[in-house]
Amino acid sequence: MSNTSMWESKPWWCQPWTILLTGITIVSGSWLLFHTLWLTLPIAILISIWWTYFLIIIPRLLSQQDSDRA
């Protein structure tokens, strides 16, 4: 399974652009609502971990797994 086909098999709400948009909205919303760094920073860190996992690590693992099969 290549990176392209991995994303093609996902619904619209699980595409890279929606993952990024959701994270940006959550971090921005936190800042706009609370104006506190101590609350927004941990949220931004958690979102960054989420992005790293779903947008970088998983596609690489699937690509590597696919190349190992070939």
PDB file of N, CA and C in Angstrom:
ATOM      1  N   MET A   1       0.856  -1.179   0.000  1.00  0.00           N
ATOM      2  CA  MET A   1       0.000   0.000   0.000  1.00  0.00           C
ATOM      3  C   MET A   1       0.900   1.239   0.000  1.00  0.00           C
ATOM      4  N   SER A   2       0.788   2.064  -0.993  1.00  0.00           N
ATOM      5  CA  SER A   2       1.597   3.281  -1.054  1.00  0.00           C
ATOM      6  C   SER A   2       0.932   4.389  -0.265  1.00  0.00           C
ATOM      7  N   ASN A   3       1.690   5.476  -0.026  1.00  0.00           N
ATOM      8  CA  ASN A   3       1.123   6.610   0.706  1.00  0.00           C
ATOM      9  C   ASN A   3      -0.127   7.138   0.028  1.00  0.00           C
ATOM     10  N   THR A   4      -0.097   7.207  -1.300  1.00  0.00           N
ATOM     11  CA  THR A   4      -1.238   7.744  -2.033  1.00  0.00           C
ATOM     12  C   THR A   4      -2.460   6.874  -1.825  1.00  0.00           C
ATOM     13  N   SER A   5      -2.307   5.560  -1.997  1.00  0.00           N
ATOM     14  CA  SER A   5      -3.468   4.697  -1.847  1.00  0.00           C
ATOM     15  C   SER A   5      -3.947   4.643  -0.390  1.00  0.00           C
ATOM     16  N   MET A   6      -3.034   4.839   0.558  1.00  0.00           N
ATOM     17  CA  MET A   6      -3.457   4.884   1.956  1.00  0.00           C
ATOM     18  C   MET A   6      -4.447   6.020   2.166  1.00  0.00           C
ATOM     19  N   TRP A   7      -4.124   7.194   1.643  1.00  0.00           N
ATOM     20  CA  TRP A   7      -5.006   8.345   1.810  1.00  0.00           C
ATOM     21  C   TRP A   7      -6.257   8.219   0.956  1.00  0.00           C
ATOM     22  N   GLU A   8      -6.156   7.552  -0.172  1.00  0.00           N
ATOM     23  CA  GLU A   8      -7.325   7.359  -1.026  1.00  0.00           C
ATOM     24  C   GLU A   8      -8.359   6.454  -0.368  1.00  0.00           C
ATOM     25  N   SER A   9      -7.911   5.580   0.503  1.00  0.00           N
ATOM     26  CA  SER A   9      -8.833   4.659   1.168  1.00  0.00           C
ATOM     27  C   SER A   9      -9.504   5.267   2.399  1.00  0.00           C
ATOM     28  N   LYS A  10      -9.067   6.456   2.795  1.00  0.00           N
ATOM     29  CA  LYS A  10      -9.626   7.101   3.987  1.00  0.00           C
ATOM     30  C   LYS A  10     -10.785   8.018   3.611  1.00  0.00           C
ATOM     31  N   PRO A  11     -11.762   8.182   4.511  1.00  0.00           N
ATOM     32  CA  PRO A  11     -12.862   9.119   4.242  1.00  0.00           C
ATOM     33  C   PRO A  11     -12.353  10.566   4.261  1.00  0.00           C
ATOM     34  N   TRP A  12     -13.185  11.492   3.798  1.00  0.00           N
ATOM     35  CA  TRP A  12     -12.774  12.901   3.677  1.00  0.00           C
ATOM     36  C   TRP A  12     -12.340  13.480   5.017  1.00  0.00           C
ATOM     37  N   TRP A  13     -12.948  13.058   6.099  1.00  0.00           N
ATOM     38  CA  TRP A  13     -12.623  13.631   7.407  1.00  0.00           C
ATOM     39  C   TRP A  13     -11.330  13.065   7.994  1.00  0.00           C
ATOM     40  N   CYS A  14     -10.702  12.131   7.283  1.00  0.00           N
ATOM     41  CA  CYS A  14      -9.441  11.554   7.749  1.00  0.00           C
ATOM     42  C   CYS A  14      -8.335  11.777   6.716  1.00  0.00           C
ATOM     43  N   GLN A  15      -8.403  12.867   6.000  1.00  0.00           N
ATOM     44  CA  GLN A  15      -7.397  13.246   5.023  1.00  0.00           C
ATOM     45  C   GLN A  15      -6.378  14.174   5.687  1.00  0.00           C
ATOM     46  N   PRO A  16      -5.173  14.286   5.131  1.00  0.00           N
ATOM     47  CA  PRO A  16      -4.158  15.153   5.744  1.00  0.00           C
ATOM     48  C   PRO A  16      -4.629  16.597   5.941  1.00  0.00           C
ATOM     49  N   TRP A  17      -5.335  17.139   4.963  1.00  0.00           N
ATOM     50  CA  TRP A  17      -5.763  18.538   5.087  1.00  0.00           C
ATOM     51  C   TRP A  17      -6.764  18.713   6.219  1.00  0.00           C
ATOM     52  N   THR A  18      -7.628  17.725   6.471  1.00  0.00           N
ATOM     53  CA  THR A  18      -8.581  17.869   7.574  1.00  0.00           C
ATOM     54  C   THR A  18      -7.896  17.672   8.918  1.00  0.00           C
ATOM     55  N   ILE A  19      -6.888  16.799   8.963  1.00  0.00           N
ATOM     56  CA  ILE A  19      -6.129  16.608  10.204  1.00  0.00           C
ATOM     57  C   ILE A  19      -5.395  17.900  10.560  1.00  0.00           C
ATOM     58  N   LEU A  20      -4.754  18.518   9.570  1.00  0.00           N
ATOM     59  CA  LEU A  20      -4.055  19.798   9.814  1.00  0.00           C
ATOM     60  C   LEU A  20      -5.032  20.904  10.195  1.00  0.00           C
ATOM     61  N   LEU A  21      -6.125  21.014   9.456  1.00  0.00           N
ATOM     62  CA  LEU A  21      -7.103  22.065   9.723  1.00  0.00           C
ATOM     63  C   LEU A  21      -7.722  21.926  11.114  1.00  0.00           C
ATOM     64  N   THR A  22      -8.014  20.698  11.502  1.00  0.00           N
ATOM     65  CA  THR A  22      -8.579  20.464  12.834  1.00  0.00           C
ATOM     66  C   THR A  22      -7.590  20.862  13.925  1.00  0.00           C
ATOM     67  N   GLY A  23      -6.336  20.484  13.764  1.00  0.00           N
ATOM     68  CA  GLY A  23      -5.320  20.843  14.757  1.00  0.00           C
ATOM     69  C   GLY A  23      -5.125  22.342  14.866  1.00  0.00           C
ATOM     70  N   ILE A  24      -5.048  23.006  13.726  1.00  0.00           N
ATOM     71  CA  ILE A  24      -4.884  24.470  13.723  1.00  0.00           C
ATOM     72  C   ILE A  24      -6.089  25.135  14.371  1.00  0.00           C
ATOM     73  N   THR A  25      -7.277  24.639  14.081  1.00  0.00           N
ATOM     74  CA  THR A  25      -8.498  25.203  14.665  1.00  0.00           C
ATOM     75  C   THR A  25      -8.521  25.028  16.173  1.00  0.00           C
ATOM     76  N   ILE A  26      -8.132  23.864  16.647  1.00  0.00           N
ATOM     77  CA  ILE A  26      -8.139  23.606  18.095  1.00  0.00           C
ATOM     78  C   ILE A  26      -7.130  24.494  18.817  1.00  0.00           C
ATOM     79  N   VAL A  27      -5.910  24.579  18.287  1.00  0.00           N
ATOM     80  CA  VAL A  27      -4.881  25.405  18.935  1.00  0.00           C
ATOM     81  C   VAL A  27      -5.278  26.882  18.869  1.00  0.00           C
ATOM     82  N   SER A  28      -5.733  27.341  17.716  1.00  0.00           N
ATOM     83  CA  SER A  28      -6.154  28.744  17.584  1.00  0.00           C
ATOM     84  C   SER A  28      -7.343  29.047  18.478  1.00  0.00           C
ATOM     85  N   GLY A  29      -8.296  28.131  18.512  1.00  0.00           N
ATOM     86  CA  GLY A  29      -9.470  28.321  19.365  1.00  0.00           C
ATOM     87  C   GLY A  29      -9.103  28.400  20.832  1.00  0.00           C
ATOM     88  N   SER A  30      -8.160  27.566  21.243  1.00  0.00           N
ATOM     89  CA  SER A  30      -7.699  27.614  22.628  1.00  0.00           C
ATOM     90  C   SER A  30      -7.099  28.979  22.952  1.00  0.00           C
ATOM     91  N   TRP A  31      -6.257  29.472  22.052  1.00  0.00           N
ATOM     92  CA  TRP A  31      -5.636  30.774  22.293  1.00  0.00           C
ATOM     93  C   TRP A  31      -6.673  31.894  22.280  1.00  0.00           C
ATOM     94  N   LEU A  32      -7.590  31.858  21.316  1.00  0.00           N
ATOM     95  CA  LEU A  32      -8.593  32.920  21.219  1.00  0.00           C
ATOM     96  C   LEU A  32      -9.566  32.914  22.401  1.00  0.00           C
ATOM     97  N   LEU A  33      -9.878  31.745  22.917  1.00  0.00           N
ATOM     98  CA  LEU A  33     -10.804  31.661  24.043  1.00  0.00           C
ATOM     99  C   LEU A  33     -10.153  32.010  25.381  1.00  0.00           C
ATOM    100  N   PHE A  34      -8.945  31.507  25.603  1.00  0.00           N
ATOM    101  CA  PHE A  34      -8.357  31.613  26.932  1.00  0.00           C
ATOM    102  C   PHE A  34      -7.193  32.588  27.048  1.00  0.00           C
ATOM    103  N   HIS A  35      -6.518  32.878  25.941  1.00  0.00           N
ATOM    104  CA  HIS A  35      -5.358  33.790  25.949  1.00  0.00           C
ATOM    105  C   HIS A  35      -4.347  33.426  27.037  1.00  0.00           C
ATOM    106  N   THR A  36      -4.150  32.129  27.222  1.00  0.00           N
ATOM    107  CA  THR A  36      -3.161  31.674  28.202  1.00  0.00           C
ATOM    108  C   THR A  36      -2.216  30.673  27.562  1.00  0.00           C
ATOM    109  N   LEU A  37      -0.943  30.968  27.679  1.00  0.00           N
ATOM    110  CA  LEU A  37       0.076  30.101  27.089  1.00  0.00           C
ATOM    111  C   LEU A  37       0.138  28.758  27.802  1.00  0.00           C
ATOM    112  N   TRP A  38      -0.062  28.748  29.110  1.00  0.00           N
ATOM    113  CA  TRP A  38       0.041  27.506  29.869  1.00  0.00           C
ATOM    114  C   TRP A  38      -1.041  26.502  29.476  1.00  0.00           C
ATOM    115  N   LEU A  39      -2.129  26.955  28.879  1.00  0.00           N
ATOM    116  CA  LEU A  39      -3.175  26.050  28.407  1.00  0.00           C
ATOM    117  C   LEU A  39      -2.994  25.722  26.919  1.00  0.00           C
ATOM    118  N   THR A  40      -2.638  26.728  26.143  1.00  0.00           N
ATOM    119  CA  THR A  40      -2.499  26.542  24.700  1.00  0.00           C
ATOM    120  C   THR A  40      -1.270  25.720  24.342  1.00  0.00           C
ATOM    121  N   LEU A  41      -0.177  25.900  25.054  1.00  0.00           N
ATOM    122  CA  LEU A  41       1.055  25.180  24.739  1.00  0.00           C
ATOM    123  C   LEU A  41       0.905  23.666  24.890  1.00  0.00           C
ATOM    124  N   PRO A  42       0.352  23.149  25.978  1.00  0.00           N
ATOM    125  CA  PRO A  42       0.161  21.690  26.049  1.00  0.00           C
ATOM    126  C   PRO A  42      -0.780  21.163  24.961  1.00  0.00           C
ATOM    127  N   ILE A  43      -1.791  21.939  24.626  1.00  0.00           N
ATOM    128  CA  ILE A  43      -2.693  21.537  23.541  1.00  0.00           C
ATOM    129  C   ILE A  43      -1.924  21.476  22.230  1.00  0.00           C
ATOM    130  N   ALA A  44      -1.081  22.476  21.976  1.00  0.00           N
ATOM    131  CA  ALA A  44      -0.279  22.501  20.750  1.00  0.00           C
ATOM    132  C   ALA A  44       0.701  21.328  20.715  1.00  0.00           C
ATOM    133  N   ILE A  45       1.255  20.970  21.847  1.00  0.00           N
ATOM    134  CA  ILE A  45       2.176  19.831  21.903  1.00  0.00           C
ATOM    135  C   ILE A  45       1.432  18.529  21.604  1.00  0.00           C
ATOM    136  N   LEU A  46       0.267  18.355  22.195  1.00  0.00           N
ATOM    137  CA  LEU A  46      -0.527  17.152  21.922  1.00  0.00           C
ATOM    138  C   LEU A  46      -0.945  17.073  20.449  1.00  0.00           C
ATOM    139  N   ILE A  47      -1.331  18.198  19.874  1.00  0.00           N
ATOM    140  CA  ILE A  47      -1.705  18.236  18.460  1.00  0.00           C
ATOM    141  C   ILE A  47      -0.489  17.897  17.599  1.00  0.00           C
ATOM    142  N   SER A  48       0.682  18.402  17.953  1.00  0.00           N
ATOM    143  CA  SER A  48       1.901  18.096  17.202  1.00  0.00           C
ATOM    144  C   SER A  48       2.229  16.607  17.254  1.00  0.00           C
ATOM    145  N   ILE A  49       2.028  15.995  18.404  1.00  0.00           N
ATOM    146  CA  ILE A  49       2.237  14.550  18.528  1.00  0.00           C
ATOM    147  C   ILE A  49       1.243  13.808  17.639  1.00  0.00           C
ATOM    148  N   TRP A  50      -0.002  14.238  17.662  1.00  0.00           N
ATOM    149  CA  TRP A  50      -1.050  13.645  16.825  1.00  0.00           C
ATOM    150  C   TRP A  50      -0.679  13.755  15.350  1.00  0.00           C
ATOM    151  N   TRP A  51      -0.253  14.950  14.920  1.00  0.00           N
ATOM    152  CA  TRP A  51       0.163  15.155  13.534  1.00  0.00           C
ATOM    153  C   TRP A  51       1.333  14.253  13.169  1.00  0.00           C
ATOM    154  N   THR A  52       2.332  14.206  14.048  1.00  0.00           N
ATOM    155  CA  THR A  52       3.512  13.394  13.774  1.00  0.00           C
ATOM    156  C   THR A  52       3.132  11.928  13.599  1.00  0.00           C
ATOM    157  N   TYR A  53       2.280  11.445  14.454  1.00  0.00           N
ATOM    158  CA  TYR A  53       1.871  10.053  14.399  1.00  0.00           C
ATOM    159  C   TYR A  53       1.091   9.743  13.125  1.00  0.00           C
ATOM    160  N   PHE A  54       0.030  10.512  12.857  1.00  0.00           N
ATOM    161  CA  PHE A  54      -0.861  10.209  11.744  1.00  0.00           C
ATOM    162  C   PHE A  54      -0.364  10.693  10.387  1.00  0.00           C
ATOM    163  N   LEU A  55       0.435  11.736  10.346  1.00  0.00           N
ATOM    164  CA  LEU A  55       0.855  12.291   9.056  1.00  0.00           C
ATOM    165  C   LEU A  55       2.269  11.885   8.645  1.00  0.00           C
ATOM    166  N   ILE A  56       3.085  11.421   9.597  1.00  0.00           N
ATOM    167  CA  ILE A  56       4.464  11.075   9.269  1.00  0.00           C
ATOM    168  C   ILE A  56       4.762   9.610   9.576  1.00  0.00           C
ATOM    169  N   ILE A  57       4.554   9.198  10.817  1.00  0.00           N
ATOM    170  CA  ILE A  57       4.966   7.860  11.236  1.00  0.00           C
ATOM    171  C   ILE A  57       4.147   6.763  10.546  1.00  0.00           C
ATOM    172  N   ILE A  58       2.832   6.837  10.620  1.00  0.00           N
ATOM    173  CA  ILE A  58       1.984   5.794  10.033  1.00  0.00           C
ATOM    174  C   ILE A  58       2.207   5.656   8.532  1.00  0.00           C
ATOM    175  N   PRO A  59       2.197   6.756   7.745  1.00  0.00           N
ATOM    176  CA  PRO A  59       2.460   6.580   6.303  1.00  0.00           C
ATOM    177  C   PRO A  59       3.835   5.969   6.017  1.00  0.00           C
ATOM    178  N   ARG A  60       4.859   6.359   6.776  1.00  0.00           N
ATOM    179  CA  ARG A  60       6.200   5.772   6.572  1.00  0.00           C
ATOM    180  C   ARG A  60       6.209   4.282   6.895  1.00  0.00           C
ATOM    181  N   LEU A  61       5.574   3.909   8.001  1.00  0.00           N
ATOM    182  CA  LEU A  61       5.529   2.495   8.365  1.00  0.00           C
ATOM    183  C   LEU A  61       4.795   1.673   7.317  1.00  0.00           C
ATOM    184  N   LEU A  62       3.685   2.188   6.828  1.00  0.00           N
ATOM    185  CA  LEU A  62       2.938   1.471   5.809  1.00  0.00           C
ATOM    186  C   LEU A  62       3.723   1.392   4.504  1.00  0.00           C
ATOM    187  N   SER A  63       4.415   2.461   4.155  1.00  0.00           N
ATOM    188  CA  SER A  63       5.229   2.453   2.949  1.00  0.00           C
ATOM    189  C   SER A  63       6.387   1.467   3.088  1.00  0.00           C
ATOM    190  N   GLN A  64       7.018   1.465   4.240  1.00  0.00           N
ATOM    191  CA  GLN A  64       8.129   0.546   4.497  1.00  0.00           C
ATOM    192  C   GLN A  64       7.640  -0.899   4.485  1.00  0.00           C
ATOM    193  N   GLN A  65       6.499  -1.125   5.094  1.00  0.00           N
ATOM    194  CA  GLN A  65       5.926  -2.464   5.118  1.00  0.00           C
ATOM    195  C   GLN A  65       5.601  -2.923   3.697  1.00  0.00           C
ATOM    196  N   ASP A  66       5.089  -2.018   2.882  1.00  0.00           N
ATOM    197  CA  ASP A  66       4.752  -2.339   1.500  1.00  0.00           C
ATOM    198  C   ASP A  66       6.014  -2.658   0.693  1.00  0.00           C
ATOM    199  N   SER A  67       7.088  -1.875   0.916  1.00  0.00           N
ATOM    200  CA  SER A  67       8.330  -2.125   0.179  1.00  0.00           C
ATOM    201  C   SER A  67       9.000  -3.421   0.640  1.00  0.00           C
ATOM    202  N   ASP A  68       8.792  -3.823   1.885  1.00  0.00           N
ATOM    203  CA  ASP A  68       9.351  -5.080   2.381  1.00  0.00           C
ATOM    204  C   ASP A  68       8.649  -6.282   1.733  1.00  0.00           C
ATOM    205  N   ARG A  69       7.372  -6.120   1.414  1.00  0.00           N
ATOM    206  CA  ARG A  69       6.615  -7.197   0.782  1.00  0.00           C
ATOM    207  C   ARG A  69       7.006  -7.386  -0.675  1.00  0.00           C
ATOM    208  N   ALA A  70       7.429  -6.302  -1.323  1.00  0.00           N
ATOM    209  CA  ALA A  70       7.729  -6.375  -2.767  1.00  0.00           C
ATOM    210  C   ALA A  70       9.028  -7.057  -3.074  1.00  0.00           C
TER     211      ALA A  70
END
